[in-house]
Amino acid sequence: MITTDGCSVEVYRLLPPDGEAEIVHAAVPSGAEVLDLGCGTGRLAHRLLELGHPVTAVDDSPEMLAHVHGATNVLARIEELRLGRRFDAVLLASHLVNNPNSGPLLETVREHLSDTGQAIVQWHPPEWFDSVAEGATGALGEVSVRLSDISRKADLLSATVHYEARGRHWSQSFVARQLSDTRLREVLSGAGLRFDRWCTADRSWFAAVAGEKTGARHS
């Protein structure tokens, strides 16, 4: 089953947690309810539940959400989500902040973030874009990963990621925008968020808090 944005449900079911939930757990108050935006099949949500966090899990794929258990599931596009309540922890993983049009995603984060809450965000740091190479390989649990068709235009990088596991193959194309530290703060500010701190030594996760919305143009 392939979702409308090209994700394979089968692949996401095979991908194991890789310490991401522990990063969130360490960054937010004990027992804080987490709004997991773009939860997929629950790879992070299930581990967060084990760590004692109630989870509201949001995804626009009913096929993905069908595999999320124990959370409050919401079928919706992130950009269109309006739950009418706020959370002490909002999670935006999967490098969604590097989406070429991340402004509406971040506005949803701010809409649902309490005034004293924290948004925990995973991103591709600027140096990642310089290190991406054609044919680069890796593994996530039993799933092998390979990149191809890498193309760069200004601050945009497009590529195709190939997955292989259990004798099956899947591929998914993506486009990511390189954000400098300065540009990241501008994009956050445009959505009413303020950069707070790095959550990991490699700067792949950071926390943001409520701030004053500027007139910055989203892109």
N, C-alpha and C. Protein backbone atom coordinates (compact mmCIF):
# COMPACT_ATOMS: atom_id res chain seq x y z
N MET A 1 0.84 -1.19 0.00
CA MET A 1 0.00 0.00 0.00
C MET A 1 0.88 1.25 0.00
N ILE A 2 0.67 2.13 -0.98
CA ILE A 2 1.40 3.39 -1.10
C ILE A 2 0.45 4.53 -0.80
N THR A 3 0.85 5.44 0.08
CA THR A 3 0.00 6.57 0.43
C THR A 3 0.07 7.64 -0.67
N THR A 4 -0.77 8.65 -0.54
CA THR A 4 -0.85 9.68 -1.58
C THR A 4 0.44 10.46 -1.74
N ASP A 5 1.27 10.53 -0.68
CA ASP A 5 2.54 11.25 -0.78
C ASP A 5 3.71 10.32 -1.08
N GLY A 6 3.40 9.09 -1.50
CA GLY A 6 4.44 8.19 -1.97
C GLY A 6 5.08 7.30 -0.93
N CYS A 7 4.56 7.30 0.30
CA CYS A 7 5.13 6.46 1.36
C CYS A 7 4.58 5.05 1.30
N SER A 8 5.44 4.08 1.54
CA SER A 8 5.00 2.69 1.60
C SER A 8 4.64 2.34 3.04
N VAL A 9 3.41 1.92 3.25
CA VAL A 9 2.98 1.51 4.59
C VAL A 9 3.81 0.32 5.06
N GLU A 10 4.10 -0.60 4.14
CA GLU A 10 4.87 -1.79 4.51
C GLU A 10 6.26 -1.42 5.02
N VAL A 11 6.92 -0.48 4.35
CA VAL A 11 8.25 -0.05 4.80
C VAL A 11 8.17 0.57 6.18
N TYR A 12 7.22 1.46 6.40
CA TYR A 12 7.13 2.14 7.67
C TYR A 12 6.82 1.17 8.81
N ARG A 13 6.13 0.09 8.52
CA ARG A 13 5.88 -0.92 9.55
C ARG A 13 7.16 -1.67 9.91
N LEU A 14 8.10 -1.75 8.98
CA LEU A 14 9.35 -2.48 9.23
C LEU A 14 10.41 -1.62 9.89
N LEU A 15 10.33 -0.30 9.73
CA LEU A 15 11.36 0.58 10.28
C LEU A 15 11.29 0.58 11.81
N PRO A 16 12.40 0.31 12.49
CA PRO A 16 12.38 0.26 13.96
C PRO A 16 12.58 1.64 14.56
N PRO A 17 12.19 1.83 15.82
CA PRO A 17 12.57 3.07 16.52
C PRO A 17 14.09 3.16 16.57
N ASP A 18 14.61 4.39 16.56
CA ASP A 18 16.06 4.58 16.56
C ASP A 18 16.46 5.61 17.62
N GLY A 19 15.78 5.56 18.76
CA GLY A 19 16.10 6.47 19.84
C GLY A 19 15.39 7.81 19.77
N GLU A 20 14.54 8.01 18.75
CA GLU A 20 13.89 9.31 18.60
C GLU A 20 12.95 9.61 19.77
N ALA A 21 12.18 8.61 20.18
CA ALA A 21 11.23 8.83 21.27
C ALA A 21 11.96 9.19 22.57
N GLU A 22 13.13 8.61 22.77
CA GLU A 22 13.90 8.92 23.97
C GLU A 22 14.38 10.38 23.96
N ILE A 23 14.67 10.90 22.77
CA ILE A 23 15.05 12.31 22.65
C ILE A 23 13.88 13.20 23.07
N VAL A 24 12.70 12.87 22.59
CA VAL A 24 11.50 13.63 22.96
C VAL A 24 11.25 13.52 24.46
N HIS A 25 11.32 12.30 24.97
CA HIS A 25 11.06 12.03 26.39
C HIS A 25 11.99 12.85 27.29
N ALA A 26 13.25 12.96 26.89
CA ALA A 26 14.22 13.70 27.69
C ALA A 26 14.00 15.21 27.63
N ALA A 27 13.33 15.66 26.58
CA ALA A 27 13.19 17.11 26.35
C ALA A 27 11.93 17.70 26.97
N VAL A 28 10.92 16.86 27.25
CA VAL A 28 9.63 17.37 27.71
C VAL A 28 9.34 16.85 29.12
N PRO A 29 8.38 17.46 29.82
CA PRO A 29 8.06 17.00 31.18
C PRO A 29 7.59 15.55 31.21
N SER A 30 7.86 14.88 32.31
CA SER A 30 7.43 13.50 32.48
C SER A 30 5.91 13.42 32.36
N GLY A 31 5.44 12.49 31.54
CA GLY A 31 4.00 12.29 31.38
C GLY A 31 3.30 13.29 30.51
N ALA A 32 4.04 14.21 29.90
CA ALA A 32 3.41 15.22 29.05
C ALA A 32 2.72 14.56 27.86
N GLU A 33 1.52 15.01 27.54
CA GLU A 33 0.84 14.49 26.36
C GLU A 33 1.50 15.03 25.11
N VAL A 34 1.76 14.17 24.16
CA VAL A 34 2.47 14.54 22.94
C VAL A 34 1.51 14.53 21.76
N LEU A 35 1.50 15.61 21.01
CA LEU A 35 0.80 15.66 19.73
C LEU A 35 1.81 15.28 18.66
N ASP A 36 1.64 14.09 18.08
CA ASP A 36 2.58 13.55 17.10
C ASP A 36 2.05 13.83 15.70
N LEU A 37 2.64 14.82 15.03
CA LEU A 37 2.18 15.24 13.71
C LEU A 37 2.90 14.43 12.62
N GLY A 38 2.13 13.75 11.77
CA GLY A 38 2.72 12.89 10.76
C GLY A 38 3.24 11.62 11.39
N CYS A 39 2.39 10.93 12.14
CA CYS A 39 2.81 9.81 12.98
C CYS A 39 3.12 8.54 12.20
N GLY A 40 2.67 8.45 10.94
CA GLY A 40 2.90 7.22 10.18
C GLY A 40 2.23 6.03 10.83
N THR A 41 2.95 4.92 10.94
CA THR A 41 2.39 3.70 11.53
C THR A 41 2.62 3.64 13.04
N GLY A 42 3.11 4.73 13.63
CA GLY A 42 3.25 4.77 15.08
C GLY A 42 4.61 4.38 15.60
N ARG A 43 5.63 4.47 14.75
CA ARG A 43 6.98 4.07 15.16
C ARG A 43 7.44 4.83 16.41
N LEU A 44 7.20 6.13 16.46
CA LEU A 44 7.55 6.92 17.63
C LEU A 44 6.42 6.92 18.66
N ALA A 45 5.19 6.96 18.19
CA ALA A 45 4.04 7.04 19.11
C ALA A 45 4.00 5.85 20.06
N HIS A 46 4.24 4.66 19.54
CA HIS A 46 4.18 3.47 20.39
C HIS A 46 5.25 3.50 21.48
N ARG A 47 6.44 3.95 21.13
CA ARG A 47 7.51 4.03 22.13
C ARG A 47 7.23 5.14 23.14
N LEU A 48 6.67 6.26 22.70
CA LEU A 48 6.32 7.33 23.63
C LEU A 48 5.26 6.87 24.62
N LEU A 49 4.32 6.07 24.16
CA LEU A 49 3.32 5.50 25.07
C LEU A 49 3.99 4.62 26.12
N GLU A 50 4.96 3.83 25.70
CA GLU A 50 5.68 2.98 26.64
C GLU A 50 6.44 3.81 27.67
N LEU A 51 6.86 5.01 27.27
CA LEU A 51 7.61 5.89 28.17
C LEU A 51 6.69 6.72 29.06
N GLY A 52 5.39 6.50 28.96
CA GLY A 52 4.45 7.15 29.85
C GLY A 52 3.79 8.41 29.33
N HIS A 53 3.87 8.65 28.03
CA HIS A 53 3.28 9.85 27.45
C HIS A 53 1.98 9.51 26.72
N PRO A 54 0.86 10.09 27.12
CA PRO A 54 -0.33 9.99 26.27
C PRO A 54 -0.01 10.62 24.91
N VAL A 55 -0.53 10.04 23.84
CA VAL A 55 -0.20 10.52 22.50
C VAL A 55 -1.47 10.75 21.70
N THR A 56 -1.55 11.90 21.07
CA THR A 56 -2.54 12.14 20.03
C THR A 56 -1.80 12.05 18.70
N ALA A 57 -2.16 11.07 17.90
CA ALA A 57 -1.41 10.74 16.68
C ALA A 57 -2.18 11.21 15.46
N VAL A 58 -1.50 12.00 14.62
CA VAL A 58 -2.14 12.60 13.45
C VAL A 58 -1.46 12.14 12.18
N ASP A 59 -2.24 11.70 11.22
CA ASP A 59 -1.72 11.37 9.90
C ASP A 59 -2.85 11.49 8.90
N ASP A 60 -2.49 11.75 7.63
CA ASP A 60 -3.54 11.88 6.61
C ASP A 60 -3.78 10.58 5.87
N SER A 61 -3.14 9.49 6.32
CA SER A 61 -3.32 8.19 5.67
C SER A 61 -4.06 7.24 6.61
N PRO A 62 -5.28 6.84 6.26
CA PRO A 62 -5.99 5.86 7.10
C PRO A 62 -5.26 4.53 7.17
N GLU A 63 -4.51 4.20 6.10
CA GLU A 63 -3.76 2.95 6.10
C GLU A 63 -2.63 2.99 7.13
N MET A 64 -1.99 4.15 7.26
CA MET A 64 -0.96 4.30 8.29
C MET A 64 -1.59 4.24 9.68
N LEU A 65 -2.63 5.04 9.90
CA LEU A 65 -3.26 5.13 11.22
C LEU A 65 -3.82 3.80 11.70
N ALA A 66 -4.18 2.93 10.78
CA ALA A 66 -4.74 1.63 11.16
C ALA A 66 -3.75 0.81 11.99
N HIS A 67 -2.47 1.16 11.92
CA HIS A 67 -1.45 0.40 12.66
C HIS A 67 -1.03 1.09 13.95
N VAL A 68 -1.66 2.22 14.27
CA VAL A 68 -1.34 2.95 15.49
C VAL A 68 -2.32 2.53 16.58
N HIS A 69 -1.80 2.00 17.67
CA HIS A 69 -2.64 1.48 18.73
C HIS A 69 -2.28 2.14 20.06
N GLY A 70 -3.30 2.44 20.85
CA GLY A 70 -3.09 3.00 22.18
C GLY A 70 -3.10 4.50 22.23
N ALA A 71 -3.04 5.15 21.08
CA ALA A 71 -3.07 6.61 21.01
C ALA A 71 -4.47 7.09 20.63
N THR A 72 -4.69 8.38 20.75
CA THR A 72 -5.90 9.00 20.20
C THR A 72 -5.59 9.36 18.76
N ASN A 73 -6.20 8.65 17.82
CA ASN A 73 -5.85 8.82 16.40
C ASN A 73 -6.73 9.86 15.73
N VAL A 74 -6.10 10.70 14.93
CA VAL A 74 -6.82 11.75 14.19
C VAL A 74 -6.40 11.67 12.73
N LEU A 75 -7.37 11.48 11.85
CA LEU A 75 -7.11 11.45 10.41
C LEU A 75 -7.24 12.87 9.86
N ALA A 76 -6.11 13.45 9.48
CA ALA A 76 -6.14 14.84 8.98
C ALA A 76 -4.80 15.18 8.36
N ARG A 77 -4.83 16.12 7.42
CA ARG A 77 -3.60 16.73 6.94
C ARG A 77 -3.08 17.67 8.02
N ILE A 78 -1.78 17.68 8.21
CA ILE A 78 -1.21 18.53 9.25
C ILE A 78 -1.61 19.99 9.04
N GLU A 79 -1.54 20.44 7.79
CA GLU A 79 -1.82 21.84 7.50
C GLU A 79 -3.25 22.23 7.85
N GLU A 80 -4.16 21.26 7.85
CA GLU A 80 -5.58 21.55 8.06
C GLU A 80 -6.05 21.21 9.47
N LEU A 81 -5.16 20.71 10.31
CA LEU A 81 -5.54 20.27 11.64
C LEU A 81 -5.91 21.45 12.53
N ARG A 82 -7.06 21.37 13.16
CA ARG A 82 -7.49 22.36 14.15
C ARG A 82 -8.28 21.61 15.22
N LEU A 83 -7.58 21.20 16.27
CA LEU A 83 -8.20 20.39 17.32
C LEU A 83 -8.89 21.23 18.38
N GLY A 84 -8.62 22.54 18.41
CA GLY A 84 -9.25 23.39 19.40
C GLY A 84 -8.70 23.21 20.80
N ARG A 85 -7.51 22.68 20.91
CA ARG A 85 -6.85 22.51 22.21
C ARG A 85 -5.35 22.59 22.02
N ARG A 86 -4.63 22.75 23.12
CA ARG A 86 -3.18 22.90 23.05
C ARG A 86 -2.48 21.85 23.90
N PHE A 87 -1.22 21.59 23.56
CA PHE A 87 -0.45 20.53 24.18
C PHE A 87 0.84 21.09 24.75
N ASP A 88 1.36 20.40 25.76
CA ASP A 88 2.65 20.78 26.32
C ASP A 88 3.82 20.29 25.47
N ALA A 89 3.54 19.36 24.56
CA ALA A 89 4.58 18.84 23.67
C ALA A 89 3.99 18.57 22.30
N VAL A 90 4.59 19.16 21.27
CA VAL A 90 4.18 18.92 19.89
C VAL A 90 5.40 18.40 19.14
N LEU A 91 5.23 17.27 18.49
CA LEU A 91 6.33 16.59 17.80
C LEU A 91 6.19 16.75 16.29
N LEU A 92 7.23 17.26 15.65
CA LEU A 92 7.29 17.35 14.19
C LEU A 92 8.58 16.66 13.77
N ALA A 93 8.48 15.37 13.46
CA ALA A 93 9.65 14.55 13.12
C ALA A 93 9.76 14.40 11.60
N SER A 94 10.56 13.43 11.19
CA SER A 94 10.69 13.06 9.76
C SER A 94 11.18 14.21 8.89
N HIS A 95 11.89 15.17 9.48
CA HIS A 95 12.49 16.28 8.73
C HIS A 95 11.44 17.10 7.97
N LEU A 96 10.22 17.14 8.49
CA LEU A 96 9.16 17.87 7.80
C LEU A 96 9.42 19.37 7.76
N VAL A 97 10.23 19.89 8.69
CA VAL A 97 10.53 21.31 8.67
C VAL A 97 11.36 21.67 7.44
N ASN A 98 12.01 20.68 6.82
CA ASN A 98 12.76 20.92 5.59
C ASN A 98 11.88 20.83 4.34
N ASN A 99 10.60 20.62 4.55
CA ASN A 99 9.67 20.65 3.42
C ASN A 99 9.75 22.02 2.74
N PRO A 100 9.74 22.06 1.40
CA PRO A 100 9.82 23.36 0.73
C PRO A 100 8.72 24.34 1.12
N ASN A 101 7.59 23.82 1.62
CA ASN A 101 6.52 24.70 2.07
C ASN A 101 6.17 24.34 3.51
N SER A 102 7.12 24.58 4.41
CA SER A 102 6.94 24.17 5.80
C SER A 102 6.14 25.16 6.63
N GLY A 103 5.90 26.36 6.12
CA GLY A 103 5.20 27.38 6.90
C GLY A 103 3.88 26.91 7.47
N PRO A 104 2.97 26.35 6.64
CA PRO A 104 1.68 25.89 7.17
C PRO A 104 1.83 24.77 8.21
N LEU A 105 2.85 23.92 8.06
CA LEU A 105 3.08 22.87 9.05
C LEU A 105 3.44 23.49 10.40
N LEU A 106 4.33 24.48 10.36
CA LEU A 106 4.76 25.14 11.60
C LEU A 106 3.63 25.96 12.22
N GLU A 107 2.76 26.50 11.39
CA GLU A 107 1.60 27.22 11.94
C GLU A 107 0.70 26.27 12.71
N THR A 108 0.56 25.04 12.23
CA THR A 108 -0.22 24.05 12.97
C THR A 108 0.45 23.70 14.28
N VAL A 109 1.78 23.58 14.26
CA VAL A 109 2.52 23.35 15.49
C VAL A 109 2.19 24.45 16.50
N ARG A 110 2.30 25.71 16.08
CA ARG A 110 2.05 26.84 16.99
C ARG A 110 0.60 26.86 17.45
N GLU A 111 -0.32 26.54 16.57
CA GLU A 111 -1.74 26.55 16.91
C GLU A 111 -2.05 25.60 18.05
N HIS A 112 -1.28 24.52 18.14
CA HIS A 112 -1.57 23.49 19.14
C HIS A 112 -0.56 23.45 20.28
N LEU A 113 0.33 24.42 20.36
CA LEU A 113 1.36 24.46 21.39
C LEU A 113 0.93 25.39 22.51
N SER A 114 0.95 24.88 23.74
CA SER A 114 0.61 25.73 24.87
C SER A 114 1.67 26.82 25.04
N ASP A 115 1.31 27.88 25.76
CA ASP A 115 2.23 29.01 25.92
C ASP A 115 3.49 28.62 26.66
N THR A 116 3.43 27.54 27.44
CA THR A 116 4.61 27.07 28.17
C THR A 116 5.12 25.74 27.61
N GLY A 117 4.59 25.33 26.46
CA GLY A 117 4.94 24.04 25.88
C GLY A 117 6.19 24.09 25.01
N GLN A 118 6.56 22.92 24.52
CA GLN A 118 7.74 22.80 23.67
C GLN A 118 7.40 22.03 22.39
N ALA A 119 7.85 22.55 21.28
CA ALA A 119 7.80 21.81 20.02
C ALA A 119 9.15 21.12 19.85
N ILE A 120 9.12 19.83 19.62
CA ILE A 120 10.35 19.06 19.41
C ILE A 120 10.41 18.70 17.93
N VAL A 121 11.44 19.15 17.26
CA VAL A 121 11.50 19.12 15.80
C VAL A 121 12.77 18.41 15.33
N GLN A 122 12.62 17.54 14.35
CA GLN A 122 13.76 16.88 13.70
C GLN A 122 14.00 17.58 12.36
N TRP A 123 15.27 17.88 12.07
CA TRP A 123 15.56 18.54 10.80
C TRP A 123 16.85 18.00 10.21
N HIS A 124 17.07 18.33 8.94
CA HIS A 124 18.36 18.09 8.30
C HIS A 124 19.21 19.35 8.51
N PRO A 125 20.27 19.30 9.31
CA PRO A 125 21.14 20.48 9.45
C PRO A 125 21.76 20.86 8.10
N PRO A 126 22.22 22.09 7.95
CA PRO A 126 22.76 22.54 6.66
C PRO A 126 23.87 21.64 6.13
N GLU A 127 24.72 21.14 7.03
CA GLU A 127 25.85 20.32 6.58
C GLU A 127 25.42 18.98 6.00
N TRP A 128 24.23 18.52 6.34
CA TRP A 128 23.74 17.25 5.78
C TRP A 128 23.63 17.35 4.26
N PHE A 129 23.19 18.50 3.78
CA PHE A 129 22.99 18.67 2.34
C PHE A 129 24.32 18.58 1.58
N ASP A 130 25.39 19.00 2.23
CA ASP A 130 26.70 18.96 1.58
C ASP A 130 27.27 17.54 1.57
N SER A 131 26.78 16.68 2.45
CA SER A 131 27.35 15.33 2.57
C SER A 131 26.58 14.28 1.78
N VAL A 132 25.38 14.61 1.30
CA VAL A 132 24.56 13.64 0.58
C VAL A 132 25.24 13.27 -0.73
N ALA A 133 25.40 11.96 -0.96
CA ALA A 133 26.11 11.50 -2.15
C ALA A 133 25.30 10.45 -2.90
N GLU A 134 25.44 10.47 -4.23
CA GLU A 134 24.78 9.48 -5.09
C GLU A 134 25.21 8.08 -4.68
N GLY A 135 24.24 7.20 -4.51
CA GLY A 135 24.53 5.81 -4.17
C GLY A 135 24.81 5.56 -2.71
N ALA A 136 24.68 6.59 -1.86
CA ALA A 136 24.92 6.40 -0.43
C ALA A 136 23.98 5.33 0.12
N THR A 137 24.50 4.48 0.98
CA THR A 137 23.72 3.38 1.52
C THR A 137 23.71 3.41 3.04
N GLY A 138 22.76 2.72 3.60
CA GLY A 138 22.66 2.60 5.04
C GLY A 138 21.64 1.53 5.37
N ALA A 139 21.32 1.42 6.65
CA ALA A 139 20.34 0.43 7.08
C ALA A 139 19.61 0.95 8.30
N LEU A 140 18.32 0.65 8.35
CA LEU A 140 17.48 0.94 9.50
C LEU A 140 16.84 -0.38 9.91
N GLY A 141 17.44 -1.02 10.92
CA GLY A 141 16.99 -2.36 11.26
C GLY A 141 17.24 -3.30 10.10
N GLU A 142 16.24 -4.02 9.67
CA GLU A 142 16.38 -4.96 8.57
C GLU A 142 16.20 -4.31 7.20
N VAL A 143 15.92 -3.02 7.19
CA VAL A 143 15.65 -2.31 5.94
C VAL A 143 16.93 -1.64 5.45
N SER A 144 17.38 -2.01 4.27
CA SER A 144 18.53 -1.34 3.65
C SER A 144 18.03 -0.14 2.85
N VAL A 145 18.87 0.89 2.83
CA VAL A 145 18.47 2.17 2.23
C VAL A 145 19.56 2.63 1.27
N ARG A 146 19.15 3.15 0.11
CA ARG A 146 20.11 3.66 -0.88
C ARG A 146 19.51 4.90 -1.54
N LEU A 147 20.35 5.91 -1.79
CA LEU A 147 19.91 7.14 -2.44
C LEU A 147 20.36 7.19 -3.89
N SER A 148 19.51 7.73 -4.75
CA SER A 148 19.86 7.91 -6.16
C SER A 148 19.18 9.16 -6.70
N ASP A 149 19.52 9.51 -7.93
CA ASP A 149 18.88 10.63 -8.64
C ASP A 149 18.97 11.94 -7.85
N ILE A 150 20.11 12.17 -7.23
CA ILE A 150 20.28 13.39 -6.44
C ILE A 150 20.45 14.59 -7.36
N SER A 151 19.68 15.62 -7.09
CA SER A 151 19.74 16.85 -7.89
C SER A 151 19.67 18.04 -6.96
N ARG A 152 20.47 19.05 -7.24
CA ARG A 152 20.48 20.26 -6.42
C ARG A 152 20.15 21.47 -7.30
N LYS A 153 19.29 22.32 -6.77
CA LYS A 153 18.95 23.58 -7.44
C LYS A 153 18.74 24.62 -6.36
N ALA A 154 19.65 25.58 -6.31
CA ALA A 154 19.63 26.60 -5.25
C ALA A 154 19.65 25.89 -3.90
N ASP A 155 18.65 26.16 -3.06
CA ASP A 155 18.65 25.55 -1.73
C ASP A 155 17.80 24.28 -1.66
N LEU A 156 17.39 23.76 -2.82
CA LEU A 156 16.57 22.56 -2.85
C LEU A 156 17.38 21.34 -3.27
N LEU A 157 17.15 20.23 -2.60
CA LEU A 157 17.77 18.96 -2.95
C LEU A 157 16.65 17.95 -3.20
N SER A 158 16.68 17.31 -4.35
CA SER A 158 15.72 16.25 -4.64
C SER A 158 16.48 14.94 -4.82
N ALA A 159 15.84 13.84 -4.45
CA ALA A 159 16.48 12.53 -4.54
C ALA A 159 15.41 11.46 -4.47
N THR A 160 15.82 10.24 -4.76
CA THR A 160 14.96 9.07 -4.60
C THR A 160 15.61 8.14 -3.59
N VAL A 161 14.84 7.71 -2.61
CA VAL A 161 15.35 6.77 -1.63
C VAL A 161 14.77 5.39 -1.94
N HIS A 162 15.64 4.41 -1.96
CA HIS A 162 15.25 3.03 -2.27
C HIS A 162 15.36 2.19 -1.01
N TYR A 163 14.31 1.44 -0.71
CA TYR A 163 14.28 0.55 0.46
C TYR A 163 14.24 -0.89 -0.02
N GLU A 164 14.90 -1.76 0.73
CA GLU A 164 14.86 -3.19 0.43
C GLU A 164 14.81 -3.98 1.73
N ALA A 165 13.89 -4.94 1.80
CA ALA A 165 13.77 -5.81 2.97
C ALA A 165 12.92 -7.01 2.60
N ARG A 166 13.30 -8.14 3.12
CA ARG A 166 12.52 -9.37 2.95
C ARG A 166 12.24 -9.68 1.48
N GLY A 167 13.24 -9.40 0.64
CA GLY A 167 13.12 -9.68 -0.77
C GLY A 167 12.23 -8.74 -1.55
N ARG A 168 11.83 -7.63 -0.94
CA ARG A 168 10.96 -6.66 -1.61
C ARG A 168 11.68 -5.32 -1.74
N HIS A 169 11.23 -4.52 -2.70
CA HIS A 169 11.85 -3.22 -2.98
C HIS A 169 10.77 -2.15 -3.04
N TRP A 170 11.11 -0.98 -2.52
CA TRP A 170 10.23 0.17 -2.59
C TRP A 170 11.09 1.40 -2.90
N SER A 171 10.49 2.42 -3.47
CA SER A 171 11.22 3.67 -3.70
C SER A 171 10.29 4.85 -3.44
N GLN A 172 10.89 5.95 -3.03
CA GLN A 172 10.13 7.16 -2.73
C GLN A 172 10.99 8.38 -3.05
N SER A 173 10.43 9.32 -3.77
CA SER A 173 11.15 10.55 -4.10
C SER A 173 10.81 11.64 -3.09
N PHE A 174 11.74 12.55 -2.87
CA PHE A 174 11.49 13.64 -1.93
C PHE A 174 12.26 14.88 -2.37
N VAL A 175 11.82 16.02 -1.86
CA VAL A 175 12.50 17.29 -2.05
C VAL A 175 12.66 17.92 -0.68
N ALA A 176 13.86 18.38 -0.37
CA ALA A 176 14.14 19.01 0.93
C ALA A 176 14.80 20.36 0.71
N ARG A 177 14.44 21.31 1.56
CA ARG A 177 15.03 22.65 1.48
C ARG A 177 16.12 22.80 2.54
N GLN A 178 17.28 23.26 2.10
CA GLN A 178 18.38 23.53 3.03
C GLN A 178 18.10 24.84 3.76
N LEU A 179 18.14 24.78 5.08
CA LEU A 179 17.93 25.96 5.91
C LEU A 179 19.19 26.26 6.70
N SER A 180 19.69 27.45 6.58
CA SER A 180 20.78 27.87 7.45
C SER A 180 20.21 28.08 8.85
N ASP A 181 21.08 28.20 9.84
CA ASP A 181 20.61 28.47 11.19
C ASP A 181 19.77 29.76 11.23
N THR A 182 20.23 30.76 10.51
CA THR A 182 19.49 32.03 10.47
C THR A 182 18.15 31.86 9.81
N ARG A 183 18.13 31.16 8.69
CA ARG A 183 16.87 30.97 7.97
C ARG A 183 15.90 30.12 8.78
N LEU A 184 16.41 29.13 9.49
CA LEU A 184 15.55 28.32 10.35
C LEU A 184 14.83 29.19 11.36
N ARG A 185 15.56 30.08 11.99
CA ARG A 185 14.94 30.95 12.98
C ARG A 185 13.91 31.89 12.34
N GLU A 186 14.17 32.32 11.13
CA GLU A 186 13.21 33.17 10.43
C GLU A 186 11.94 32.41 10.11
N VAL A 187 12.07 31.17 9.66
CA VAL A 187 10.90 30.36 9.32
C VAL A 187 10.07 30.08 10.58
N LEU A 188 10.75 29.77 11.66
CA LEU A 188 10.05 29.54 12.93
C LEU A 188 9.31 30.80 13.36
N SER A 189 10.01 31.94 13.30
CA SER A 189 9.41 33.20 13.73
C SER A 189 8.20 33.55 12.89
N GLY A 190 8.24 33.23 11.61
CA GLY A 190 7.11 33.52 10.74
C GLY A 190 5.85 32.78 11.13
N ALA A 191 6.02 31.67 11.87
CA ALA A 191 4.87 30.87 12.31
C ALA A 191 4.54 31.14 13.78
N GLY A 192 5.23 32.08 14.40
CA GLY A 192 4.97 32.38 15.79
C GLY A 192 5.71 31.50 16.77
N LEU A 193 6.84 30.92 16.32
CA LEU A 193 7.66 30.07 17.17
C LEU A 193 9.03 30.71 17.36
N ARG A 194 9.73 30.29 18.40
CA ARG A 194 11.06 30.80 18.67
C ARG A 194 12.00 29.64 18.98
N PHE A 195 13.14 29.60 18.30
CA PHE A 195 14.13 28.56 18.58
C PHE A 195 14.54 28.65 20.05
N ASP A 196 14.61 27.48 20.71
CA ASP A 196 14.96 27.46 22.13
C ASP A 196 16.33 26.83 22.37
N ARG A 197 16.55 25.59 21.90
CA ARG A 197 17.82 24.92 22.18
C ARG A 197 17.95 23.69 21.30
N TRP A 198 19.18 23.21 21.18
CA TRP A 198 19.43 21.93 20.53
C TRP A 198 19.15 20.81 21.52
N CYS A 199 18.54 19.73 21.03
CA CYS A 199 18.22 18.59 21.89
C CYS A 199 19.23 17.46 21.74
N THR A 200 20.05 17.50 20.71
CA THR A 200 21.07 16.47 20.48
C THR A 200 22.38 17.12 20.09
N ALA A 201 23.47 16.42 20.38
CA ALA A 201 24.80 16.97 20.09
C ALA A 201 25.04 17.18 18.60
N ASP A 202 24.40 16.35 17.77
CA ASP A 202 24.60 16.49 16.32
C ASP A 202 23.66 17.52 15.69
N ARG A 203 22.89 18.21 16.52
CA ARG A 203 21.98 19.28 16.07
C ARG A 203 20.91 18.78 15.11
N SER A 204 20.56 17.52 15.18
CA SER A 204 19.51 17.00 14.30
C SER A 204 18.11 17.14 14.91
N TRP A 205 18.06 17.48 16.20
CA TRP A 205 16.78 17.73 16.88
C TRP A 205 16.91 19.03 17.66
N PHE A 206 15.83 19.82 17.67
CA PHE A 206 15.84 21.05 18.45
C PHE A 206 14.46 21.27 19.07
N ALA A 207 14.43 22.15 20.05
CA ALA A 207 13.19 22.53 20.69
C ALA A 207 12.86 23.98 20.33
N ALA A 208 11.58 24.24 20.13
CA ALA A 208 11.10 25.59 19.88
C ALA A 208 9.95 25.87 20.84
N VAL A 209 9.75 27.14 21.14
CA VAL A 209 8.69 27.54 22.07
C VAL A 209 7.86 28.64 21.41
N ALA A 210 6.75 28.97 22.07
CA ALA A 210 5.88 30.01 21.54
C ALA A 210 6.62 31.34 21.52
N GLY A 211 6.43 32.08 20.45
CA GLY A 211 7.06 33.38 20.33
C GLY A 211 6.10 34.33 19.63
N GLU A 212 6.60 35.50 19.32
CA GLU A 212 5.78 36.50 18.62
C GLU A 212 5.87 36.27 17.12
N LYS A 213 4.73 36.20 16.48
CA LYS A 213 4.69 35.96 15.04
C LYS A 213 5.15 37.19 14.30
N THR A 214 6.04 36.99 13.32
CA THR A 214 6.53 38.10 12.51
C THR A 214 5.82 38.07 11.16
N GLY A 215 6.15 39.04 10.34
CA GLY A 215 5.56 39.09 9.00
C GLY A 215 6.39 38.33 7.99
N ALA A 216 7.27 37.44 8.45
CA ALA A 216 8.15 36.71 7.53
C ALA A 216 7.32 35.89 6.56
N ARG A 217 7.75 35.87 5.35
CA ARG A 217 7.05 35.10 4.32
C ARG A 217 7.40 33.65 4.45
N HIS A 218 6.39 32.76 4.43
CA HIS A 218 6.65 31.34 4.52
C HIS A 218 7.11 30.79 3.19
N SER A 219 8.09 29.91 3.26
CA SER A 219 8.55 29.25 2.03
C SER A 219 9.29 27.99 2.39
